[in-house]
Amino acid sequence: MLEFLVCPETHAVLSYDADRQELVSKAAHLAYPIRGGIPIMLAGEARQLD
C-alpha cells in the first residue's frame, strides 16, 4: 500500500520507518506518524526531521 502514498507537501515518495511507526518524506524533511495503523498525512501532525 505504501507505493500509493506520497507526501502531501511535495508529492514525493515516502519511506516507512518501522521502529518509529512513521512515513518519512526526505524531500520535505517531515515524518508523518502512523497511529493505530492509520497514516496521519497532515503537515501539522508531522515531525520535522533534522
N, C-alpha and C. Protein backbone atom coordinates (compact mmCIF):
# COMPACT_ATOMS: atom_id res chain seq x y z
N MET A 1 0.81 -1.20 0.00
CA MET A 1 0.00 0.00 0.00
C MET A 1 0.86 1.26 0.00
N LEU A 2 2.06 1.17 0.52
CA LEU A 2 2.94 2.33 0.61
C LEU A 2 3.20 2.98 -0.74
N GLU A 3 3.25 2.19 -1.79
CA GLU A 3 3.56 2.75 -3.11
C GLU A 3 2.49 3.72 -3.62
N PHE A 4 1.31 3.71 -3.00
CA PHE A 4 0.23 4.62 -3.41
C PHE A 4 0.23 5.92 -2.63
N LEU A 5 0.97 5.97 -1.53
CA LEU A 5 1.01 7.18 -0.70
C LEU A 5 2.19 8.05 -1.09
N VAL A 6 1.96 9.35 -1.14
CA VAL A 6 3.01 10.32 -1.41
C VAL A 6 2.92 11.44 -0.38
N CYS A 7 3.97 12.18 -0.25
CA CYS A 7 4.00 13.32 0.67
C CYS A 7 2.97 14.35 0.22
N PRO A 8 2.09 14.80 1.12
CA PRO A 8 1.10 15.80 0.73
C PRO A 8 1.71 17.18 0.44
N GLU A 9 2.91 17.42 0.91
CA GLU A 9 3.58 18.70 0.67
C GLU A 9 4.31 18.73 -0.67
N THR A 10 5.06 17.67 -0.97
CA THR A 10 5.93 17.66 -2.15
C THR A 10 5.53 16.65 -3.21
N HIS A 11 4.63 15.74 -2.88
CA HIS A 11 4.21 14.64 -3.75
C HIS A 11 5.35 13.67 -4.04
N ALA A 12 6.35 13.67 -3.17
CA ALA A 12 7.49 12.77 -3.30
C ALA A 12 7.17 11.42 -2.65
N VAL A 13 7.98 10.44 -2.99
CA VAL A 13 7.85 9.09 -2.44
C VAL A 13 8.14 9.11 -0.94
N LEU A 14 7.44 8.27 -0.20
CA LEU A 14 7.65 8.14 1.24
C LEU A 14 8.35 6.82 1.55
N SER A 15 9.12 6.83 2.63
CA SER A 15 9.71 5.57 3.10
C SER A 15 9.13 5.27 4.48
N TYR A 16 9.10 3.99 4.82
CA TYR A 16 8.49 3.54 6.06
C TYR A 16 9.57 3.30 7.11
N ASP A 17 9.43 3.92 8.26
CA ASP A 17 10.31 3.70 9.40
C ASP A 17 9.55 2.86 10.41
N ALA A 18 9.81 1.55 10.43
CA ALA A 18 9.07 0.62 11.28
C ALA A 18 9.33 0.87 12.77
N ASP A 19 10.55 1.26 13.13
CA ASP A 19 10.88 1.49 14.53
C ASP A 19 10.09 2.65 15.12
N ARG A 20 9.93 3.71 14.36
CA ARG A 20 9.23 4.90 14.85
C ARG A 20 7.76 4.95 14.42
N GLN A 21 7.34 3.99 13.60
CA GLN A 21 5.97 3.97 13.07
C GLN A 21 5.65 5.30 12.38
N GLU A 22 6.47 5.62 11.38
CA GLU A 22 6.32 6.87 10.63
C GLU A 22 6.53 6.63 9.15
N LEU A 23 5.95 7.50 8.35
CA LEU A 23 6.24 7.58 6.93
C LEU A 23 7.10 8.82 6.73
N VAL A 24 8.26 8.64 6.12
CA VAL A 24 9.25 9.71 6.04
C VAL A 24 9.32 10.28 4.63
N SER A 25 9.24 11.60 4.56
CA SER A 25 9.44 12.32 3.31
C SER A 25 10.79 13.02 3.38
N LYS A 26 11.78 12.47 2.69
CA LYS A 26 13.10 13.10 2.68
C LYS A 26 13.05 14.44 1.95
N ALA A 27 12.20 14.55 0.95
CA ALA A 27 12.09 15.79 0.18
C ALA A 27 11.57 16.94 1.03
N ALA A 28 10.60 16.68 1.90
CA ALA A 28 10.02 17.73 2.74
C ALA A 28 10.66 17.79 4.12
N HIS A 29 11.54 16.83 4.43
CA HIS A 29 12.16 16.74 5.76
C HIS A 29 11.10 16.61 6.85
N LEU A 30 10.08 15.76 6.58
CA LEU A 30 8.99 15.54 7.52
C LEU A 30 8.78 14.04 7.72
N ALA A 31 8.30 13.69 8.91
CA ALA A 31 7.93 12.31 9.22
C ALA A 31 6.49 12.30 9.70
N TYR A 32 5.64 11.61 8.98
CA TYR A 32 4.21 11.53 9.29
C TYR A 32 3.95 10.33 10.18
N PRO A 33 3.27 10.52 11.30
CA PRO A 33 3.04 9.40 12.23
C PRO A 33 2.01 8.41 11.70
N ILE A 34 2.13 7.19 12.19
CA ILE A 34 1.13 6.16 11.93
C ILE A 34 0.54 5.80 13.28
N ARG A 35 -0.76 6.02 13.43
CA ARG A 35 -1.43 5.76 14.71
C ARG A 35 -2.54 4.74 14.49
N GLY A 36 -2.47 3.66 15.23
CA GLY A 36 -3.48 2.61 15.09
C GLY A 36 -3.54 2.04 13.69
N GLY A 37 -2.38 2.02 13.01
CA GLY A 37 -2.32 1.50 11.65
C GLY A 37 -2.76 2.48 10.58
N ILE A 38 -3.08 3.71 10.97
CA ILE A 38 -3.56 4.72 10.02
C ILE A 38 -2.53 5.83 9.89
N PRO A 39 -2.02 6.08 8.67
CA PRO A 39 -1.07 7.18 8.50
C PRO A 39 -1.79 8.53 8.62
N ILE A 40 -1.21 9.42 9.41
CA ILE A 40 -1.75 10.76 9.60
C ILE A 40 -0.99 11.69 8.67
N MET A 41 -1.57 11.96 7.52
CA MET A 41 -0.88 12.70 6.46
C MET A 41 -1.18 14.20 6.51
N LEU A 42 -1.06 14.78 7.67
CA LEU A 42 -1.28 16.21 7.87
C LEU A 42 0.04 16.87 8.26
N ALA A 43 0.39 17.96 7.58
CA ALA A 43 1.65 18.63 7.87
C ALA A 43 1.73 19.09 9.32
N GLY A 44 0.61 19.48 9.91
CA GLY A 44 0.60 19.91 11.29
C GLY A 44 0.86 18.80 12.29
N GLU A 45 0.68 17.57 11.87
CA GLU A 45 0.94 16.40 12.73
C GLU A 45 2.33 15.81 12.48
N ALA A 46 3.00 16.25 11.43
CA ALA A 46 4.30 15.69 11.05
C ALA A 46 5.42 16.21 11.96
N ARG A 47 6.42 15.38 12.11
CA ARG A 47 7.62 15.73 12.87
C ARG A 47 8.66 16.24 11.90
N GLN A 48 9.28 17.37 12.23
CA GLN A 48 10.35 17.93 11.40
C GLN A 48 11.61 17.10 11.57
N LEU A 49 12.24 16.73 10.46
CA LEU A 49 13.49 15.98 10.50
C LEU A 49 14.66 16.95 10.50
N ASP A 50 15.77 16.50 11.08
CA ASP A 50 16.98 17.34 11.12
C ASP A 50 17.61 17.46 9.77
